Every structure is written in C-alpha cells, then in structure tokens.
Amino acid sequence: MYAVIKTGGKQYKVAEGDFLKVEKLDNAVGDTIEFSEVLMVGGEKTMIGAPVVAGAQVTARVALQGRDKKILVFKSKRRKNSRKLNGHRQYHTVLKIEKISA
C-alpha cells in the first residue's frame, strides 16, 4: 500500500517503512506526526481524493533533524570587478513512515 501526501508545498509518494526527507518541521526527534492531507491511496483498491481522500491518514515518526550540504551561490558582473559569494545550507527533517490508513 502506498499514499501520496502533501507537506511543505510539495507532494511525496510514500509507503510503510520508507524514510522521507522533507522541509523542516517543528517537531523533536522521536515525535509522531499525522498527515491528514492525503491526496491518493493506492494498493489493491486505488482511492483518489478531490482534493483529499476523506478519512485517510499517514502516521510518521521524526527520525532526524538536520541540514543539507552547502550550496555556493556566486554572482558576478562582467568588466566591473564585482563579485559576490554566498553559501546556503537548507534545514530538513527525515521522517520514517509507520502507518497508512484509509
């Protein structure tokens, strides 16, 4: 059984036991999160929501709070000796999908 959930403005296809890296959520490691915005549930019988499947729920546990690798942003203007270098590390949350209920 799998489901499509929406979090952080993005959609993810998940199955039980999967690890999922999403935008930062304000939960501590070990907390349980329930996603009620389930757009689709698949398996033996597929249910597609309009826009969400009524009564469907995905339960996940926070496995890790961390940051991605550094991304360098370099801007320059030709012939002006103007250069700018910025670095950015995005915060993320790793979830372990525990249960999908339709």
C-alpha atoms as a PDB file:
ATOM      1  CA  MET A   1       0.000   0.000   0.000  1.00  0.00           C
ATOM      2  CA  TYR A   2       1.244   3.492  -0.833  1.00  0.00           C
ATOM      3  CA  ALA A   3      -0.032   7.045  -0.483  1.00  0.00           C
ATOM      4  CA  VAL A   4       0.633  10.495  -1.885  1.00  0.00           C
ATOM      5  CA  ILE A   5       0.855  13.156   0.829  1.00  0.00           C
ATOM      6  CA  LYS A   6       1.321  16.911   0.721  1.00  0.00           C
ATOM      7  CA  THR A   7       3.701  18.727   3.087  1.00  0.00           C
ATOM      8  CA  GLY A   8       5.855  21.808   2.745  1.00  0.00           C
ATOM      9  CA  GLY A   9       4.157  22.733  -0.529  1.00  0.00           C
ATOM     10  CA  LYS A  10       5.340  19.515  -2.197  1.00  0.00           C
ATOM     11  CA  GLN A  11       3.830  16.098  -2.871  1.00  0.00           C
ATOM     12  CA  TYR A  12       5.532  12.835  -1.912  1.00  0.00           C
ATOM     13  CA  LYS A  13       4.744   9.197  -2.710  1.00  0.00           C
ATOM     14  CA  VAL A  14       5.303   7.136   0.447  1.00  0.00           C
ATOM     15  CA  ALA A  15       4.961   3.527   1.578  1.00  0.00           C
ATOM     16  CA  GLU A  16       5.183   1.957   5.029  1.00  0.00           C
ATOM     17  CA  GLY A  17       8.784   1.704   6.234  1.00  0.00           C
ATOM     18  CA  ASP A  18      10.096   4.430   3.887  1.00  0.00           C
ATOM     19  CA  PHE A  19      12.384   7.241   5.002  1.00  0.00           C
ATOM     20  CA  LEU A  20      11.400  10.632   3.618  1.00  0.00           C
ATOM     21  CA  LYS A  21      13.370  13.917   3.621  1.00  0.00           C
ATOM     22  CA  VAL A  22      11.023  16.938   3.754  1.00  0.00           C
ATOM     23  CA  GLU A  23      11.235  20.651   4.522  1.00  0.00           C
ATOM     24  CA  LYS A  24      11.900  21.428   8.197  1.00  0.00           C
ATOM     25  CA  LEU A  25       9.047  20.603  10.583  1.00  0.00           C
ATOM     26  CA  ASP A  26       8.951  21.973  14.136  1.00  0.00           C
ATOM     27  CA  ASN A  27       8.923  18.611  15.934  1.00  0.00           C
ATOM     28  CA  ALA A  28      11.523  16.946  18.125  1.00  0.00           C
ATOM     29  CA  VAL A  29      13.267  13.687  17.204  1.00  0.00           C
ATOM     30  CA  GLY A  30      11.007  10.774  18.166  1.00  0.00           C
ATOM     31  CA  ASP A  31       7.742  12.716  17.876  1.00  0.00           C
ATOM     32  CA  THR A  32       4.827  11.265  15.924  1.00  0.00           C
ATOM     33  CA  ILE A  33       3.251  13.297  13.105  1.00  0.00           C
ATOM     34  CA  GLU A  34      -0.069  12.574  11.421  1.00  0.00           C
ATOM     35  CA  PHE A  35      -0.626  13.825   7.867  1.00  0.00           C
ATOM     36  CA  SER A  36      -4.294  14.269   7.037  1.00  0.00           C
ATOM     37  CA  GLU A  37      -3.656  15.864   3.621  1.00  0.00           C
ATOM     38  CA  VAL A  38      -3.588  12.532   1.741  1.00  0.00           C
ATOM     39  CA  LEU A  39      -4.161  13.098  -1.982  1.00  0.00           C
ATOM     40  CA  MET A  40      -4.217   9.444  -3.052  1.00  0.00           C
ATOM     41  CA  VAL A  41      -4.104   5.959  -1.547  1.00  0.00           C
ATOM     42  CA  GLY A  42      -3.067   3.049  -3.762  1.00  0.00           C
ATOM     43  CA  GLY A  43      -2.824  -0.692  -3.418  1.00  0.00           C
ATOM     44  CA  GLU A  44      -5.483  -3.295  -4.148  1.00  0.00           C
ATOM     45  CA  LYS A  45      -8.054  -0.532  -4.496  1.00  0.00           C
ATOM     46  CA  THR A  46      -6.964   2.965  -5.545  1.00  0.00           C
ATOM     47  CA  MET A  47      -8.698   5.974  -3.994  1.00  0.00           C
ATOM     48  CA  ILE A  48      -8.108   9.417  -5.470  1.00  0.00           C
ATOM     49  CA  GLY A  49      -9.155  12.452  -3.468  1.00  0.00           C
ATOM     50  CA  ALA A  50     -10.904  15.561  -4.665  1.00  0.00           C
ATOM     51  CA  PRO A  51      -8.674  17.204  -3.384  1.00  0.00           C
ATOM     52  CA  VAL A  52      -8.041  14.904  -0.362  1.00  0.00           C
ATOM     53  CA  VAL A  53      -9.168  11.371   0.486  1.00  0.00           C
ATOM     54  CA  ALA A  54     -11.730  11.568   3.292  1.00  0.00           C
ATOM     55  CA  GLY A  55     -10.674   9.678   6.407  1.00  0.00           C
ATOM     56  CA  ALA A  56      -7.221   8.744   5.111  1.00  0.00           C
ATOM     57  CA  GLN A  57      -4.229   9.356   7.338  1.00  0.00           C
ATOM     58  CA  VAL A  58      -0.466   8.763   7.242  1.00  0.00           C
ATOM     59  CA  THR A  59       1.465   8.410  10.502  1.00  0.00           C
ATOM     60  CA  ALA A  60       5.211   9.131  10.594  1.00  0.00           C
ATOM     61  CA  ARG A  61       7.929   9.411  13.240  1.00  0.00           C
ATOM     62  CA  VAL A  62      10.667  12.080  13.170  1.00  0.00           C
ATOM     63  CA  ALA A  63      13.956  10.238  12.690  1.00  0.00           C
ATOM     64  CA  LEU A  64      16.355  13.174  12.239  1.00  0.00           C
ATOM     65  CA  GLN A  65      16.549  16.965  12.163  1.00  0.00           C
ATOM     66  CA  GLY A  66      19.470  18.189  10.080  1.00  0.00           C
ATOM     67  CA  ARG A  67      20.888  20.360   7.321  1.00  0.00           C
ATOM     68  CA  ASP A  68      21.791  19.680   3.694  1.00  0.00           C
ATOM     69  CA  LYS A  69      25.191  20.128   2.083  1.00  0.00           C
ATOM     70  CA  LYS A  70      26.310  23.683   1.460  1.00  0.00           C
ATOM     71  CA  ILE A  71      25.304  25.224  -1.860  1.00  0.00           C
ATOM     72  CA  LEU A  72      27.508  28.064  -3.129  1.00  0.00           C
ATOM     73  CA  VAL A  73      25.813  30.990  -4.866  1.00  0.00           C
ATOM     74  CA  PHE A  74      28.265  33.071  -6.940  1.00  0.00           C
ATOM     75  CA  LYS A  75      27.236  36.300  -8.643  1.00  0.00           C
ATOM     76  CA  SER A  76      29.460  38.489 -10.807  1.00  0.00           C
ATOM     77  CA  LYS A  77      29.144  41.345 -13.251  1.00  0.00           C
ATOM     78  CA  ARG A  78      31.493  41.373 -16.219  1.00  0.00           C
ATOM     79  CA  ARG A  79      34.120  44.109 -16.521  1.00  0.00           C
ATOM     80  CA  LYS A  80      33.027  45.701 -13.221  1.00  0.00           C
ATOM     81  CA  ASN A  81      35.210  43.739 -10.758  1.00  0.00           C
ATOM     82  CA  SER A  82      32.005  42.991  -8.847  1.00  0.00           C
ATOM     83  CA  ARG A  83      31.806  39.547  -7.280  1.00  0.00           C
ATOM     84  CA  LYS A  84      29.664  38.104  -4.514  1.00  0.00           C
ATOM     85  CA  LEU A  85      29.841  34.619  -2.966  1.00  0.00           C
ATOM     86  CA  ASN A  86      27.134  33.312  -0.641  1.00  0.00           C
ATOM     87  CA  GLY A  87      26.632  29.905   0.953  1.00  0.00           C
ATOM     88  CA  HIS A  88      23.352  28.296   1.985  1.00  0.00           C
ATOM     89  CA  ARG A  89      22.500  25.164   3.987  1.00  0.00           C
ATOM     90  CA  GLN A  90      18.811  24.209   3.971  1.00  0.00           C
ATOM     91  CA  TYR A  91      17.229  22.721   7.100  1.00  0.00           C
ATOM     92  CA  HIS A  92      15.365  19.428   6.637  1.00  0.00           C
ATOM     93  CA  THR A  93      13.531  16.737   8.600  1.00  0.00           C
ATOM     94  CA  VAL A  94      13.833  12.995   7.947  1.00  0.00           C
ATOM     95  CA  LEU A  95      10.637  11.025   8.597  1.00  0.00           C
ATOM     96  CA  LYS A  96      10.027   7.278   8.905  1.00  0.00           C
ATOM     97  CA  ILE A  97       6.597   6.323   7.572  1.00  0.00           C
ATOM     98  CA  GLU A  98       4.963   3.964  10.065  1.00  0.00           C
ATOM     99  CA  LYS A  99       1.313   3.527   9.061  1.00  0.00           C
ATOM    100  CA  ILE A 100      -1.022   4.318   6.175  1.00  0.00           C
ATOM    101  CA  SER A 101      -4.699   4.070   6.995  1.00  0.00           C
ATOM    102  CA  ALA A 102      -7.527   4.561   4.537  1.00  0.00           C
END
